[in-house]
Amino acid sequence: MAEVRLINRISKALSPSSLRCLSGTPTINLTSGCIHNCVYCYSRGYSRYPENNSIELYANTAEQVQQELPRKRKKPIAVYFCPSCDPFQPIPEVESQAYDTMKILLENSIGVQFLTKGCIPARFLKMFKTYRHLIHSQIGLTSCNENLLKTFEPKAASFDQRLNSLSRLMEIGVEVAVRLDPLIAGVTDTDENLHELLVKTSRIGVREIAISYMFLRPAIKSNLIKKIKDEVFLNKILSAYSKNIRLPIAAPNSQTWVLPREMRRQGFGRIKNIADGYGINVRICGCKNPDITDDSCNIIHLSKNKELPLFSGTKT
C-alpha cells in the first residue's frame, strides 16, 4: 500500500505553468509524487519528489480553489490536471480531493482538462456526462503489451482499463485523444506495436493522437538504470541517446538529452503514415521538439481548432 502524507499547500492551488503548451491556463497538482511510479517521469528530478511508494497529498486543494476563484479578476476558461502527477491515482484520498476540486470548477462553468494513465472511477464519469461540454481528456497509452506497461508504468492502469476509460468517455460525449508520450525508440515506436495500438483505439472511435519521444534528464536516466535489470534491454534504450544531444525545451532554463533530430523526424513521419491508415490525426509536442515543429500536442483544448499538418511551422 502507498504511504499518503497529508499536507496543506501554502502557495496558490491555481498556478500557471512554465511550459508553453500550458501557458495562460491555470494548473493544479493534487499531489507531490505519483503512485503510478512511471520510470521516465520528469518530475522525479524535483527536489521535493517523495520516495517510491509514497506521495504527499495537498489536502486543502478543493478548499483553496473555492476561496481563490472569487478573487480572480477574470474567471479561467479551463484548468489543467496535473502537470506533475496523475489526477486519477488509485488512492481514496486522492480520488476524493480530485472529485471535490473538479466539481467546484465545473459548477462554476470552468472547464476541466486532464491527462491520465489511470482508471477513471464511475462517479467522475457520471459528473463528466453532465458537464461534457467542459471536459477535454487525454489518455496516455504507448503500448498494448502489458509487460512493457508494467516495466515503464508499473502501477498505472492496465491497457484494457485505459481503453475502457476511453470508450466510456466517448460514450458520454467527452472529447478524447490518446497520448503516445513518451515513445521509446526501438521499443514502443515499432511498426508492430503501433499497428496493434492504433487498430484497437481506432475501433472505438479515437481520431487524434499526440506524440513525442522520451527525453532524458539525470533523474530519469538514474531511475531507468535502477529499475530495468535486463542490461541488454537497458542498453538498447540508452544507446539511442549516446550522442549526448541537449535541447532546450519550451520552459525557462530547461534542457534535456534527446534523440537526434533526424531520428525524431523520421519516427514522426513513419507514425503519421501508419496513423493515416486508421483515419487518425497526429499532433507532435512542439514544446519537446522545438527544433522540428511549432505544432501543439493539444494538451489544452479551448476551441475547435482546425487540424494542423504534421510539421506545422517546420524548422529547417
Protein backbone atom coordinates (compact mmCIF):
# COMPACT_ATOMS: atom_id res chain seq x y z
CA MET A 1 0.00 0.00 0.00
CA ALA A 2 1.13 3.53 -0.72
CA GLU A 3 2.06 5.84 2.11
CA VAL A 4 -0.04 9.01 1.87
CA ARG A 5 1.12 12.04 3.81
CA LEU A 6 -1.48 14.79 4.11
CA ILE A 7 -0.08 18.31 3.85
CA ASN A 8 -1.57 21.75 3.34
CA ARG A 9 -0.49 23.72 0.34
CA ILE A 10 0.90 27.14 1.18
CA SER A 11 1.12 28.54 -2.35
CA LYS A 12 -1.90 29.07 -4.61
CA ALA A 13 -3.70 26.00 -5.92
CA LEU A 14 -4.41 27.58 -9.32
CA SER A 15 -0.89 28.23 -10.56
CA PRO A 16 0.46 28.94 -14.05
CA SER A 17 2.87 26.55 -15.76
CA SER A 18 6.19 27.50 -17.35
CA LEU A 19 5.52 25.16 -20.28
CA ARG A 20 4.44 26.89 -23.49
CA CYS A 21 1.65 24.37 -24.13
CA LEU A 22 0.08 25.19 -20.77
CA SER A 23 0.72 28.91 -20.76
CA GLY A 24 -2.30 31.04 -19.93
CA THR A 25 -4.15 28.12 -18.33
CA PRO A 26 -4.15 27.58 -14.56
CA THR A 27 -2.91 24.16 -13.48
CA ILE A 28 -3.41 22.07 -10.36
CA ASN A 29 -1.16 19.41 -8.88
CA LEU A 30 -3.11 17.31 -6.40
CA THR A 31 -0.03 15.55 -5.08
CA SER A 32 3.71 15.73 -4.85
CA GLY A 33 4.87 12.43 -6.26
CA CYS A 34 2.68 9.90 -8.05
CA ILE A 35 1.84 6.34 -7.12
CA HIS A 36 1.98 5.20 -10.77
CA ASN A 37 5.79 5.32 -10.49
CA CYS A 38 6.43 5.74 -14.22
CA VAL A 39 10.16 5.22 -14.66
CA TYR A 40 10.51 8.03 -17.23
CA CYS A 41 8.62 10.69 -15.24
CA TYR A 42 10.39 14.06 -15.48
CA SER A 43 9.09 15.18 -12.07
CA ARG A 44 11.46 12.70 -10.43
CA GLY A 45 14.11 15.38 -10.76
CA TYR A 46 12.22 17.74 -8.47
CA SER A 47 13.83 18.30 -5.08
CA ARG A 48 10.54 17.61 -3.25
CA TYR A 49 9.76 14.37 -5.09
CA PRO A 50 8.94 11.75 -2.41
CA GLU A 51 10.48 8.30 -2.33
CA ASN A 52 8.82 5.47 -4.26
CA ASN A 53 5.51 4.17 -2.92
CA SER A 54 4.78 7.40 -1.09
CA ILE A 55 3.08 10.65 -2.03
CA GLU A 56 2.19 13.92 -0.40
CA LEU A 57 -1.45 14.90 -0.91
CA TYR A 58 -2.43 18.55 -0.81
CA ALA A 59 -5.46 18.01 1.39
CA ASN A 60 -6.73 21.59 1.15
CA THR A 61 -6.85 21.85 -2.66
CA ALA A 62 -10.63 21.98 -3.08
CA GLU A 63 -10.93 24.48 -0.23
CA GLN A 64 -8.24 26.66 -1.76
CA VAL A 65 -9.88 26.63 -5.19
CA GLN A 66 -13.20 27.59 -3.63
CA GLN A 67 -11.50 30.56 -1.99
CA GLU A 68 -9.34 31.62 -4.94
CA LEU A 69 -11.99 31.73 -7.67
CA PRO A 70 -13.93 34.78 -6.35
CA ARG A 71 -10.68 36.72 -6.04
CA LYS A 72 -9.72 36.34 -9.68
CA ARG A 73 -10.34 39.36 -11.92
CA LYS A 74 -11.15 37.05 -14.81
CA LYS A 75 -12.56 33.57 -14.41
CA PRO A 76 -10.36 30.99 -16.15
CA ILE A 77 -11.77 29.20 -19.18
CA ALA A 78 -10.32 25.90 -18.04
CA VAL A 79 -7.97 24.32 -15.50
CA TYR A 80 -5.49 21.55 -16.29
CA PHE A 81 -4.88 18.47 -14.10
CA CYS A 82 -2.00 17.73 -13.37
CA PRO A 83 1.41 18.87 -14.71
CA SER A 84 3.50 16.75 -12.31
CA CYS A 85 1.25 13.89 -11.22
CA ASP A 86 -1.83 11.93 -12.27
CA PRO A 87 -5.31 13.09 -11.19
CA PHE A 88 -6.61 9.50 -11.14
CA GLN A 89 -4.25 7.71 -8.79
CA PRO A 90 -5.95 4.68 -7.18
CA ILE A 91 -5.92 6.14 -3.68
CA PRO A 92 -9.21 7.07 -1.96
CA GLU A 93 -7.88 10.33 -0.51
CA VAL A 94 -6.59 11.48 -3.90
CA GLU A 95 -9.82 10.46 -5.61
CA SER A 96 -11.91 12.46 -3.14
CA GLN A 97 -9.75 15.56 -3.48
CA ALA A 98 -9.81 15.31 -7.28
CA TYR A 99 -13.59 14.88 -7.35
CA ASP A 100 -14.33 17.76 -4.98
CA THR A 101 -11.95 20.11 -6.81
CA MET A 102 -13.24 19.27 -10.29
CA LYS A 103 -16.84 19.57 -9.08
CA ILE A 104 -16.24 23.12 -7.82
CA LEU A 105 -14.72 24.14 -11.17
CA LEU A 106 -17.46 22.57 -13.28
CA GLU A 107 -20.23 24.07 -11.15
CA ASN A 108 -18.60 27.45 -11.87
CA SER A 109 -18.66 26.71 -15.63
CA ILE A 110 -14.88 26.30 -15.75
CA GLY A 111 -13.52 23.57 -18.00
CA VAL A 112 -11.62 20.58 -16.65
CA GLN A 113 -8.82 19.22 -18.81
CA PHE A 114 -6.63 16.30 -17.89
CA LEU A 115 -4.11 13.67 -18.93
CA THR A 116 -4.19 10.32 -17.18
CA LYS A 117 -2.73 6.83 -17.23
CA GLY A 118 -5.18 5.83 -14.53
CA CYS A 119 -8.64 4.29 -14.38
CA ILE A 120 -11.44 6.89 -14.24
CA PRO A 121 -13.94 5.99 -11.47
CA ALA A 122 -17.66 5.75 -12.24
CA ARG A 123 -18.67 8.80 -10.20
CA PHE A 124 -16.36 11.00 -12.28
CA LEU A 125 -17.88 9.67 -15.49
CA LYS A 126 -21.35 10.49 -14.15
CA MET A 127 -20.24 14.04 -13.34
CA PHE A 128 -18.43 14.43 -16.67
CA LYS A 129 -21.57 13.40 -18.55
CA THR A 130 -23.44 16.35 -17.03
CA TYR A 131 -20.64 18.76 -17.93
CA ARG A 132 -19.32 17.01 -21.06
CA HIS A 133 -19.03 20.28 -22.99
CA LEU A 134 -16.50 21.46 -20.40
CA ILE A 135 -14.29 18.35 -20.40
CA HIS A 136 -11.24 17.61 -22.56
CA SER A 137 -9.29 14.44 -21.86
CA GLN A 138 -6.13 12.70 -22.99
CA ILE A 139 -5.41 9.09 -22.10
CA GLY A 140 -1.74 8.10 -22.01
CA LEU A 141 -1.14 4.86 -23.94
CA THR A 142 2.11 3.78 -25.57
CA SER A 143 1.60 0.03 -25.94
CA CYS A 144 -0.90 -2.83 -25.69
CA ASN A 145 1.84 -5.04 -24.28
CA GLU A 146 1.23 -5.43 -20.55
CA ASN A 147 4.84 -6.46 -19.93
CA LEU A 148 6.06 -3.19 -21.40
CA LEU A 149 3.46 -1.21 -19.49
CA LYS A 150 4.47 -2.88 -16.23
CA THR A 151 8.12 -2.15 -16.98
CA PHE A 152 7.68 1.55 -17.66
CA GLU A 153 4.43 2.36 -15.80
CA PRO A 154 4.34 -0.27 -13.04
CA LYS A 155 1.31 0.95 -11.09
CA ALA A 156 -0.71 2.68 -13.79
CA ALA A 157 -3.95 1.20 -15.11
CA SER A 158 -3.81 -1.76 -17.49
CA PHE A 159 -4.29 -1.33 -21.22
CA ASP A 160 -7.83 -2.72 -21.05
CA GLN A 161 -8.72 -0.37 -18.20
CA ARG A 162 -7.48 2.65 -20.13
CA LEU A 163 -9.21 1.51 -23.31
CA ASN A 164 -12.41 1.18 -21.28
CA SER A 165 -11.97 4.72 -19.94
CA LEU A 166 -11.57 5.98 -23.50
CA SER A 167 -14.70 4.15 -24.59
CA ARG A 168 -16.76 5.34 -21.64
CA LEU A 169 -15.67 8.96 -22.12
CA MET A 170 -16.62 8.85 -25.79
CA GLU A 171 -19.98 7.26 -24.97
CA ILE A 172 -20.92 10.20 -22.75
CA GLY A 173 -19.79 12.77 -25.33
CA VAL A 174 -16.47 13.84 -23.84
CA GLU A 175 -13.75 14.86 -26.28
CA VAL A 176 -10.79 12.47 -26.05
CA ALA A 177 -7.38 11.86 -27.57
CA VAL A 178 -4.67 9.28 -27.00
CA ARG A 179 -1.24 10.46 -25.93
CA LEU A 180 1.65 8.30 -27.16
CA ASP A 181 4.16 10.05 -24.96
CA PRO A 182 6.82 9.17 -24.25
CA LEU A 183 7.61 6.91 -27.16
CA ILE A 184 10.76 4.85 -26.60
CA ALA A 185 12.85 4.35 -29.72
CA GLY A 186 13.06 0.76 -30.86
CA VAL A 187 10.67 -0.37 -28.12
CA THR A 188 7.26 1.30 -28.32
CA ASP A 189 7.65 3.03 -31.70
CA THR A 190 7.93 -0.20 -33.69
CA ASP A 191 5.51 -0.77 -36.56
CA GLU A 192 4.12 -3.86 -34.82
CA ASN A 193 3.43 -2.03 -31.56
CA LEU A 194 1.91 1.00 -33.29
CA HIS A 195 -0.40 -1.01 -35.56
CA GLU A 196 -1.67 -3.06 -32.63
CA LEU A 197 -2.29 0.06 -30.55
CA LEU A 198 -3.90 2.14 -33.28
CA VAL A 199 -6.17 -0.59 -34.59
CA LYS A 200 -7.63 -1.10 -31.11
CA THR A 201 -8.08 2.59 -30.35
CA SER A 202 -9.44 3.45 -33.81
CA ARG A 203 -12.11 0.75 -33.43
CA ILE A 204 -13.67 2.64 -30.55
CA GLY A 205 -13.57 5.92 -32.46
CA VAL A 206 -10.28 7.61 -31.47
CA ARG A 207 -9.35 10.11 -34.17
CA GLU A 208 -6.45 12.02 -32.65
CA ILE A 209 -3.13 11.11 -31.07
CA ALA A 210 -0.35 13.26 -29.61
CA ILE A 211 3.22 12.01 -29.88
CA SER A 212 6.71 12.71 -28.61
CA TYR A 213 9.81 10.69 -27.78
CA MET A 214 11.24 10.19 -24.30
CA PHE A 215 13.81 12.75 -23.21
CA LEU A 216 16.47 12.09 -20.61
CA ARG A 217 17.39 14.02 -17.51
CA PRO A 218 19.83 12.72 -14.89
CA ALA A 219 17.00 11.61 -12.57
CA ILE A 220 15.24 9.76 -15.40
CA LYS A 221 18.40 8.01 -16.54
CA SER A 222 19.24 7.06 -12.97
CA ASN A 223 15.78 5.60 -12.46
CA LEU A 224 15.92 3.61 -15.71
CA ILE A 225 19.22 2.09 -14.60
CA LYS A 226 17.77 1.31 -11.18
CA LYS A 227 14.51 -0.21 -12.39
CA ILE A 228 15.46 -2.07 -15.58
CA LYS A 229 17.53 -5.11 -14.64
CA ASP A 230 17.86 -6.51 -18.16
CA GLU A 231 21.15 -4.92 -19.25
CA VAL A 232 20.66 -5.68 -22.94
CA PHE A 233 17.22 -4.06 -22.91
CA LEU A 234 18.51 -1.09 -20.89
CA ASN A 235 21.42 -0.53 -23.27
CA LYS A 236 19.02 -0.66 -26.23
CA ILE A 237 17.09 2.23 -24.67
CA LEU A 238 20.05 4.34 -23.58
CA SER A 239 22.22 3.81 -26.67
CA ALA A 240 19.83 5.94 -28.71
CA TYR A 241 20.98 8.92 -26.59
CA SER A 242 24.71 8.18 -26.92
CA LYS A 243 25.40 11.33 -28.95
CA ASN A 244 24.53 13.40 -25.85
CA ILE A 245 22.40 15.89 -27.78
CA ARG A 246 20.99 18.55 -25.49
CA LEU A 247 17.92 20.56 -26.41
CA PRO A 248 16.20 23.40 -24.56
CA ILE A 249 12.52 22.51 -24.30
CA ALA A 250 9.82 25.18 -24.15
CA ALA A 251 10.26 26.03 -20.49
CA PRO A 252 12.60 28.55 -18.85
CA ASN A 253 16.14 27.28 -18.17
CA SER A 254 15.24 23.72 -19.11
CA GLN A 255 17.44 21.43 -21.20
CA THR A 256 17.27 17.69 -21.74
CA TRP A 257 19.09 14.94 -23.64
CA VAL A 258 17.08 13.99 -26.72
CA LEU A 259 17.23 11.67 -29.69
CA PRO A 260 18.96 13.08 -32.79
CA ARG A 261 16.73 15.47 -34.71
CA GLU A 262 16.62 13.39 -37.89
CA MET A 263 15.81 10.26 -35.91
CA ARG A 264 12.82 12.00 -34.36
CA ARG A 265 11.72 13.47 -37.69
CA GLN A 266 11.79 10.08 -39.39
CA GLY A 267 9.97 8.48 -36.48
CA PHE A 268 7.24 11.11 -36.50
CA GLY A 269 6.80 10.78 -40.27
CA ARG A 270 6.55 6.99 -40.06
CA ILE A 271 3.99 7.21 -37.24
CA LYS A 272 1.90 9.66 -39.26
CA ASN A 273 1.88 7.29 -42.23
CA ILE A 274 0.67 4.46 -40.02
CA ALA A 275 -1.96 6.65 -38.32
CA ASP A 276 -3.25 7.89 -41.68
CA GLY A 277 -4.24 4.33 -42.49
CA TYR A 278 -6.58 4.35 -39.50
CA GLY A 279 -8.03 7.81 -40.11
CA ILE A 280 -6.18 9.23 -37.09
CA ASN A 281 -4.77 12.76 -36.96
CA VAL A 282 -1.30 13.15 -35.45
CA ARG A 283 -0.11 16.05 -33.31
CA ILE A 284 3.52 16.49 -32.26
CA CYS A 285 4.51 18.06 -28.95
CA GLY A 286 6.25 21.22 -30.13
CA CYS A 287 7.35 22.02 -26.57
CA LYS A 288 9.55 18.92 -26.54
CA ASN A 289 10.58 19.22 -30.19
CA PRO A 290 11.16 22.94 -30.77
CA ASP A 291 13.88 22.16 -33.32
CA ILE A 292 11.35 20.35 -35.51
CA THR A 293 7.90 21.96 -35.23
CA ASP A 294 5.71 24.66 -33.73
CA ASP A 295 2.82 22.20 -33.61
CA SER A 296 0.83 21.69 -30.42
CA CYS A 297 0.07 18.37 -28.76
CA ASN A 298 -3.35 19.86 -27.95
CA ILE A 299 -2.95 19.09 -24.26
CA ILE A 300 -5.04 22.21 -23.68
CA HIS A 301 -8.06 22.46 -25.93
CA LEU A 302 -10.05 25.66 -25.66
CA SER A 303 -11.75 25.66 -29.04
CA LYS A 304 -12.49 23.51 -32.04
CA ASN A 305 -9.18 24.12 -33.80
CA LYS A 306 -8.63 23.05 -37.37
CA GLU A 307 -6.34 20.11 -37.84
CA LEU A 308 -2.71 21.09 -38.26
CA PRO A 309 -0.29 19.49 -40.71
CA LEU A 310 2.26 17.10 -39.22
CA PHE A 311 5.13 19.57 -39.23
CA SER A 312 3.24 22.84 -38.77
CA GLY A 313 5.82 25.61 -38.57
CA THR A 314 8.56 23.15 -39.56
CA LYS A 315 12.07 24.22 -38.61
CA THR A 316 14.84 23.99 -41.20
